[in-house]
Amino acid sequence: MNTVYKIAKNTGVLLIAQIISYLISFIYILYLSRYLGPSQFGQLSTAIAFTGFFQIFTDFGLQWLLVREIARDKARAAAYLYNAGLVKAVLAVITLILIYSVINIMGYGGKLYLLYT
């Protein structure tokens, strides 16, 4: 019965956390859209979607690999996290360079300043 209780408790906590996350995101987007206006909010949404597309390249499945390997050998968790962090940092820098290059190739380079004004 202890295992069933742990599973139910963990599932409930995750469910509540997800609901709170959705509510905060909803309120944040409502506020941000009213503050920025249609044009600037559209630009921000496009930038978020564009960078979200490239976010795939920063992970390459390392998250799932970490979960599996740490579940197998918890004693080596620190080494796994350190190594995965280094790989993700390198991939993040490469991805930022790729994003910058694609933005300039597409001709959006001059419009980046609009998000900060």
N, C-alpha and C. Protein backbone atom coordinates (compact mmCIF):
# COMPACT_ATOMS: atom_id res chain seq x y z
N MET A 1 0.82 -1.20 0.00
CA MET A 1 0.00 0.00 0.00
C MET A 1 0.86 1.26 0.00
N ASN A 2 2.06 1.16 0.52
CA ASN A 2 2.95 2.30 0.58
C ASN A 2 3.34 2.78 -0.81
N THR A 3 3.58 1.86 -1.74
CA THR A 3 3.95 2.21 -3.11
C THR A 3 2.80 2.92 -3.81
N VAL A 4 1.60 2.42 -3.63
CA VAL A 4 0.43 3.04 -4.24
C VAL A 4 0.24 4.46 -3.71
N TYR A 5 0.44 4.64 -2.43
CA TYR A 5 0.32 5.97 -1.82
C TYR A 5 1.37 6.93 -2.39
N LYS A 6 2.60 6.46 -2.54
CA LYS A 6 3.67 7.30 -3.09
C LYS A 6 3.36 7.71 -4.53
N ILE A 7 2.87 6.76 -5.32
CA ILE A 7 2.54 7.06 -6.71
C ILE A 7 1.41 8.08 -6.79
N ALA A 8 0.38 7.88 -5.97
CA ALA A 8 -0.75 8.81 -5.96
C ALA A 8 -0.31 10.20 -5.50
N LYS A 9 0.51 10.25 -4.49
CA LYS A 9 0.98 11.54 -3.97
C LYS A 9 1.84 12.26 -5.01
N ASN A 10 2.77 11.56 -5.63
CA ASN A 10 3.63 12.16 -6.64
C ASN A 10 2.83 12.63 -7.86
N THR A 11 1.86 11.84 -8.27
CA THR A 11 1.01 12.22 -9.39
C THR A 11 0.21 13.46 -9.06
N GLY A 12 -0.31 13.51 -7.85
CA GLY A 12 -1.09 14.68 -7.42
C GLY A 12 -0.25 15.94 -7.37
N VAL A 13 0.96 15.83 -6.86
CA VAL A 13 1.85 16.99 -6.80
C VAL A 13 2.19 17.47 -8.20
N LEU A 14 2.50 16.55 -9.11
CA LEU A 14 2.80 16.94 -10.49
C LEU A 14 1.59 17.59 -11.17
N LEU A 15 0.40 17.06 -10.91
CA LEU A 15 -0.82 17.62 -11.48
C LEU A 15 -1.04 19.05 -10.99
N ILE A 16 -0.90 19.26 -9.70
CA ILE A 16 -1.09 20.59 -9.14
C ILE A 16 -0.03 21.56 -9.67
N ALA A 17 1.20 21.11 -9.76
CA ALA A 17 2.27 21.96 -10.29
C ALA A 17 1.99 22.34 -11.75
N GLN A 18 1.51 21.41 -12.54
CA GLN A 18 1.20 21.69 -13.94
C GLN A 18 0.05 22.69 -14.06
N ILE A 19 -0.97 22.53 -13.24
CA ILE A 19 -2.12 23.47 -13.27
C ILE A 19 -1.65 24.87 -12.88
N ILE A 20 -0.83 24.98 -11.84
CA ILE A 20 -0.32 26.29 -11.42
C ILE A 20 0.52 26.90 -12.53
N SER A 21 1.34 26.09 -13.19
CA SER A 21 2.16 26.58 -14.29
C SER A 21 1.29 27.11 -15.43
N TYR A 22 0.24 26.40 -15.77
CA TYR A 22 -0.66 26.87 -16.82
C TYR A 22 -1.34 28.17 -16.44
N LEU A 23 -1.76 28.30 -15.20
CA LEU A 23 -2.41 29.54 -14.75
C LEU A 23 -1.46 30.73 -14.79
N ILE A 24 -0.24 30.53 -14.31
CA ILE A 24 0.74 31.61 -14.35
C ILE A 24 1.05 32.01 -15.79
N SER A 25 1.20 31.04 -16.67
CA SER A 25 1.45 31.34 -18.08
C SER A 25 0.30 32.11 -18.71
N PHE A 26 -0.91 31.70 -18.38
CA PHE A 26 -2.10 32.37 -18.92
C PHE A 26 -2.16 33.83 -18.47
N ILE A 27 -1.95 34.08 -17.19
CA ILE A 27 -1.98 35.44 -16.66
C ILE A 27 -0.84 36.27 -17.24
N TYR A 28 0.33 35.67 -17.36
CA TYR A 28 1.49 36.35 -17.92
C TYR A 28 1.24 36.76 -19.36
N ILE A 29 0.69 35.88 -20.15
CA ILE A 29 0.42 36.21 -21.56
C ILE A 29 -0.67 37.27 -21.68
N LEU A 30 -1.69 37.19 -20.85
CA LEU A 30 -2.72 38.24 -20.87
C LEU A 30 -2.11 39.61 -20.56
N TYR A 31 -1.33 39.67 -19.51
CA TYR A 31 -0.71 40.94 -19.13
C TYR A 31 0.25 41.43 -20.21
N LEU A 32 1.08 40.55 -20.70
CA LEU A 32 2.08 40.93 -21.69
C LEU A 32 1.43 41.40 -22.99
N SER A 33 0.38 40.74 -23.41
CA SER A 33 -0.28 41.15 -24.66
C SER A 33 -0.93 42.52 -24.52
N ARG A 34 -1.48 42.82 -23.36
CA ARG A 34 -2.08 44.15 -23.16
C ARG A 34 -1.01 45.21 -23.04
N TYR A 35 0.11 44.88 -22.43
CA TYR A 35 1.18 45.85 -22.23
C TYR A 35 1.89 46.17 -23.55
N LEU A 36 2.20 45.17 -24.34
CA LEU A 36 2.96 45.38 -25.57
C LEU A 36 2.11 45.85 -26.74
N GLY A 37 0.88 45.41 -26.81
CA GLY A 37 0.06 45.73 -27.97
C GLY A 37 0.20 44.66 -29.03
N PRO A 38 -0.68 44.70 -30.03
CA PRO A 38 -0.70 43.63 -31.03
C PRO A 38 0.59 43.48 -31.83
N SER A 39 1.16 44.59 -32.26
CA SER A 39 2.33 44.51 -33.12
C SER A 39 3.55 43.96 -32.38
N GLN A 40 3.87 44.53 -31.24
CA GLN A 40 5.06 44.08 -30.51
C GLN A 40 4.85 42.69 -29.90
N PHE A 41 3.62 42.39 -29.48
CA PHE A 41 3.37 41.04 -28.95
C PHE A 41 3.49 40.01 -30.06
N GLY A 42 3.09 40.36 -31.27
CA GLY A 42 3.26 39.45 -32.40
C GLY A 42 4.73 39.21 -32.70
N GLN A 43 5.53 40.26 -32.62
CA GLN A 43 6.97 40.10 -32.84
C GLN A 43 7.58 39.22 -31.75
N LEU A 44 7.17 39.43 -30.51
CA LEU A 44 7.69 38.63 -29.42
C LEU A 44 7.27 37.17 -29.57
N SER A 45 6.03 36.94 -29.94
CA SER A 45 5.54 35.57 -30.14
C SER A 45 6.30 34.87 -31.26
N THR A 46 6.57 35.60 -32.33
CA THR A 46 7.35 35.04 -33.43
C THR A 46 8.76 34.69 -32.98
N ALA A 47 9.38 35.57 -32.20
CA ALA A 47 10.73 35.31 -31.71
C ALA A 47 10.75 34.10 -30.77
N ILE A 48 9.75 33.99 -29.91
CA ILE A 48 9.69 32.84 -28.99
C ILE A 48 9.48 31.55 -29.76
N ALA A 49 8.60 31.56 -30.74
CA ALA A 49 8.36 30.36 -31.55
C ALA A 49 9.61 29.99 -32.35
N PHE A 50 10.27 31.00 -32.88
CA PHE A 50 11.49 30.77 -33.68
C PHE A 50 12.58 30.14 -32.83
N THR A 51 12.83 30.70 -31.66
CA THR A 51 13.86 30.15 -30.79
C THR A 51 13.44 28.80 -30.21
N GLY A 52 12.14 28.61 -30.01
CA GLY A 52 11.65 27.31 -29.53
C GLY A 52 11.93 26.20 -30.53
N PHE A 53 11.88 26.55 -31.81
CA PHE A 53 12.20 25.57 -32.84
C PHE A 53 13.65 25.10 -32.72
N PHE A 54 14.53 26.03 -32.43
CA PHE A 54 15.95 25.70 -32.32
C PHE A 54 16.32 25.08 -30.98
N GLN A 55 15.42 25.14 -30.03
CA GLN A 55 15.67 24.58 -28.70
C GLN A 55 15.90 23.07 -28.77
N ILE A 56 15.39 22.45 -29.79
CA ILE A 56 15.59 21.01 -29.98
C ILE A 56 17.07 20.68 -30.04
N PHE A 57 17.85 21.57 -30.65
CA PHE A 57 19.27 21.31 -30.83
C PHE A 57 20.08 21.41 -29.54
N THR A 58 19.53 22.03 -28.51
CA THR A 58 20.27 22.16 -27.26
C THR A 58 20.14 20.93 -26.37
N ASP A 59 19.21 20.04 -26.70
CA ASP A 59 18.99 18.88 -25.82
C ASP A 59 19.42 17.57 -26.47
N PHE A 60 18.97 17.32 -27.68
CA PHE A 60 19.30 16.09 -28.41
C PHE A 60 19.04 14.83 -27.58
N GLY A 61 18.01 14.83 -26.75
CA GLY A 61 17.65 13.65 -25.98
C GLY A 61 18.47 13.42 -24.73
N LEU A 62 19.28 14.39 -24.35
CA LEU A 62 20.11 14.22 -23.16
C LEU A 62 19.28 14.10 -21.89
N GLN A 63 18.15 14.75 -21.85
CA GLN A 63 17.28 14.68 -20.66
C GLN A 63 16.86 13.24 -20.39
N TRP A 64 16.40 12.56 -21.43
CA TRP A 64 15.94 11.18 -21.24
C TRP A 64 17.11 10.24 -20.94
N LEU A 65 18.24 10.50 -21.55
CA LEU A 65 19.43 9.71 -21.27
C LEU A 65 19.86 9.88 -19.81
N LEU A 66 19.81 11.10 -19.32
CA LEU A 66 20.16 11.36 -17.92
C LEU A 66 19.23 10.60 -16.97
N VAL A 67 17.95 10.68 -17.23
CA VAL A 67 16.98 9.99 -16.36
C VAL A 67 17.27 8.50 -16.33
N ARG A 68 17.50 7.91 -17.49
CA ARG A 68 17.75 6.47 -17.55
C ARG A 68 19.04 6.08 -16.84
N GLU A 69 20.11 6.82 -17.10
CA GLU A 69 21.40 6.47 -16.53
C GLU A 69 21.46 6.72 -15.03
N ILE A 70 20.84 7.78 -14.56
CA ILE A 70 20.83 8.04 -13.12
C ILE A 70 19.97 7.02 -12.40
N ALA A 71 18.89 6.58 -13.04
CA ALA A 71 18.07 5.53 -12.42
C ALA A 71 18.85 4.22 -12.30
N ARG A 72 19.73 3.96 -13.24
CA ARG A 72 20.55 2.74 -13.19
C ARG A 72 21.63 2.80 -12.11
N ASP A 73 22.30 3.95 -12.03
CA ASP A 73 23.44 4.07 -11.12
C ASP A 73 23.42 5.44 -10.45
N LYS A 74 22.78 5.52 -9.30
CA LYS A 74 22.62 6.80 -8.61
C LYS A 74 23.94 7.33 -8.06
N ALA A 75 24.90 6.47 -7.85
CA ALA A 75 26.19 6.90 -7.31
C ALA A 75 26.95 7.78 -8.30
N ARG A 76 26.68 7.62 -9.57
CA ARG A 76 27.38 8.40 -10.60
C ARG A 76 26.55 9.59 -11.09
N ALA A 77 25.51 9.95 -10.36
CA ALA A 77 24.61 11.02 -10.78
C ALA A 77 25.34 12.35 -10.95
N ALA A 78 26.22 12.68 -10.04
CA ALA A 78 26.93 13.96 -10.12
C ALA A 78 27.78 14.04 -11.40
N ALA A 79 28.46 12.95 -11.72
CA ALA A 79 29.27 12.93 -12.94
C ALA A 79 28.40 13.06 -14.19
N TYR A 80 27.27 12.34 -14.19
CA TYR A 80 26.36 12.44 -15.33
C TYR A 80 25.83 13.86 -15.50
N LEU A 81 25.43 14.49 -14.40
CA LEU A 81 24.89 15.84 -14.48
C LEU A 81 25.94 16.84 -14.93
N TYR A 82 27.14 16.71 -14.44
CA TYR A 82 28.23 17.60 -14.84
C TYR A 82 28.53 17.46 -16.33
N ASN A 83 28.68 16.24 -16.79
CA ASN A 83 28.98 16.02 -18.21
C ASN A 83 27.84 16.48 -19.12
N ALA A 84 26.61 16.18 -18.72
CA ALA A 84 25.47 16.62 -19.53
C ALA A 84 25.37 18.14 -19.53
N GLY A 85 25.69 18.77 -18.42
CA GLY A 85 25.68 20.23 -18.36
C GLY A 85 26.69 20.85 -19.30
N LEU A 86 27.87 20.27 -19.35
CA LEU A 86 28.89 20.76 -20.28
C LEU A 86 28.46 20.59 -21.74
N VAL A 87 27.91 19.44 -22.05
CA VAL A 87 27.46 19.19 -23.42
C VAL A 87 26.34 20.15 -23.79
N LYS A 88 25.40 20.35 -22.86
CA LYS A 88 24.29 21.27 -23.14
C LYS A 88 24.78 22.70 -23.29
N ALA A 89 25.78 23.11 -22.52
CA ALA A 89 26.32 24.46 -22.64
C ALA A 89 26.96 24.66 -24.01
N VAL A 90 27.72 23.70 -24.46
CA VAL A 90 28.34 23.79 -25.79
C VAL A 90 27.27 23.81 -26.88
N LEU A 91 26.28 22.94 -26.75
CA LEU A 91 25.19 22.91 -27.73
C LEU A 91 24.40 24.22 -27.72
N ALA A 92 24.24 24.82 -26.55
CA ALA A 92 23.51 26.09 -26.46
C ALA A 92 24.26 27.20 -27.18
N VAL A 93 25.57 27.25 -27.03
CA VAL A 93 26.36 28.26 -27.73
C VAL A 93 26.28 28.05 -29.24
N ILE A 94 26.40 26.82 -29.67
CA ILE A 94 26.29 26.52 -31.10
C ILE A 94 24.90 26.89 -31.62
N THR A 95 23.89 26.61 -30.83
CA THR A 95 22.51 26.94 -31.24
C THR A 95 22.31 28.44 -31.32
N LEU A 96 22.86 29.20 -30.38
CA LEU A 96 22.75 30.66 -30.44
C LEU A 96 23.41 31.22 -31.70
N ILE A 97 24.56 30.67 -32.03
CA ILE A 97 25.24 31.10 -33.27
C ILE A 97 24.38 30.75 -34.48
N LEU A 98 23.78 29.58 -34.47
CA LEU A 98 22.90 29.16 -35.57
C LEU A 98 21.67 30.07 -35.67
N ILE A 99 21.07 30.40 -34.53
CA ILE A 99 19.91 31.30 -34.54
C ILE A 99 20.30 32.66 -35.10
N TYR A 100 21.41 33.20 -34.63
CA TYR A 100 21.87 34.50 -35.12
C TYR A 100 22.11 34.46 -36.63
N SER A 101 22.71 33.39 -37.10
CA SER A 101 22.98 33.27 -38.54
C SER A 101 21.70 33.20 -39.35
N VAL A 102 20.76 32.38 -38.90
CA VAL A 102 19.50 32.23 -39.63
C VAL A 102 18.70 33.53 -39.62
N ILE A 103 18.72 34.24 -38.50
CA ILE A 103 18.01 35.53 -38.43
C ILE A 103 18.59 36.51 -39.44
N ASN A 104 19.90 36.55 -39.54
CA ASN A 104 20.52 37.47 -40.49
C ASN A 104 20.31 37.03 -41.93
N ILE A 105 20.33 35.74 -42.19
CA ILE A 105 20.07 35.24 -43.55
C ILE A 105 18.65 35.56 -43.98
N MET A 106 17.70 35.45 -43.04
CA MET A 106 16.30 35.73 -43.37
C MET A 106 16.00 37.22 -43.45
N GLY A 107 16.93 38.06 -43.03
CA GLY A 107 16.72 39.51 -43.13
C GLY A 107 16.03 40.13 -41.94
N TYR A 108 15.95 39.44 -40.82
CA TYR A 108 15.31 39.98 -39.64
C TYR A 108 16.30 40.64 -38.68
N GLY A 109 17.56 40.69 -39.03
CA GLY A 109 18.59 41.19 -38.14
C GLY A 109 18.35 42.62 -37.68
N GLY A 110 17.86 43.48 -38.54
CA GLY A 110 17.62 44.88 -38.18
C GLY A 110 16.40 45.09 -37.32
N LYS A 111 15.53 44.09 -37.22
CA LYS A 111 14.29 44.24 -36.47
C LYS A 111 14.41 43.77 -35.02
N LEU A 112 15.57 43.28 -34.62
CA LEU A 112 15.73 42.79 -33.27
C LEU A 112 15.61 43.89 -32.22
N TYR A 113 15.98 45.09 -32.58
CA TYR A 113 15.94 46.19 -31.61
C TYR A 113 14.51 46.56 -31.23
N LEU A 114 13.53 46.21 -32.03
CA LEU A 114 12.14 46.59 -31.75
C LEU A 114 11.63 45.97 -30.45
N LEU A 115 12.14 44.83 -30.07
CA LEU A 115 11.68 44.19 -28.85
C LEU A 115 12.16 44.92 -27.61
N TYR A 116 13.18 45.74 -27.73
CA TYR A 116 13.76 46.41 -26.57
C TYR A 116 13.35 47.86 -26.46
N THR A 117 12.56 48.36 -27.40
CA THR A 117 12.14 49.77 -27.34
C THR A 117 10.78 49.91 -26.74
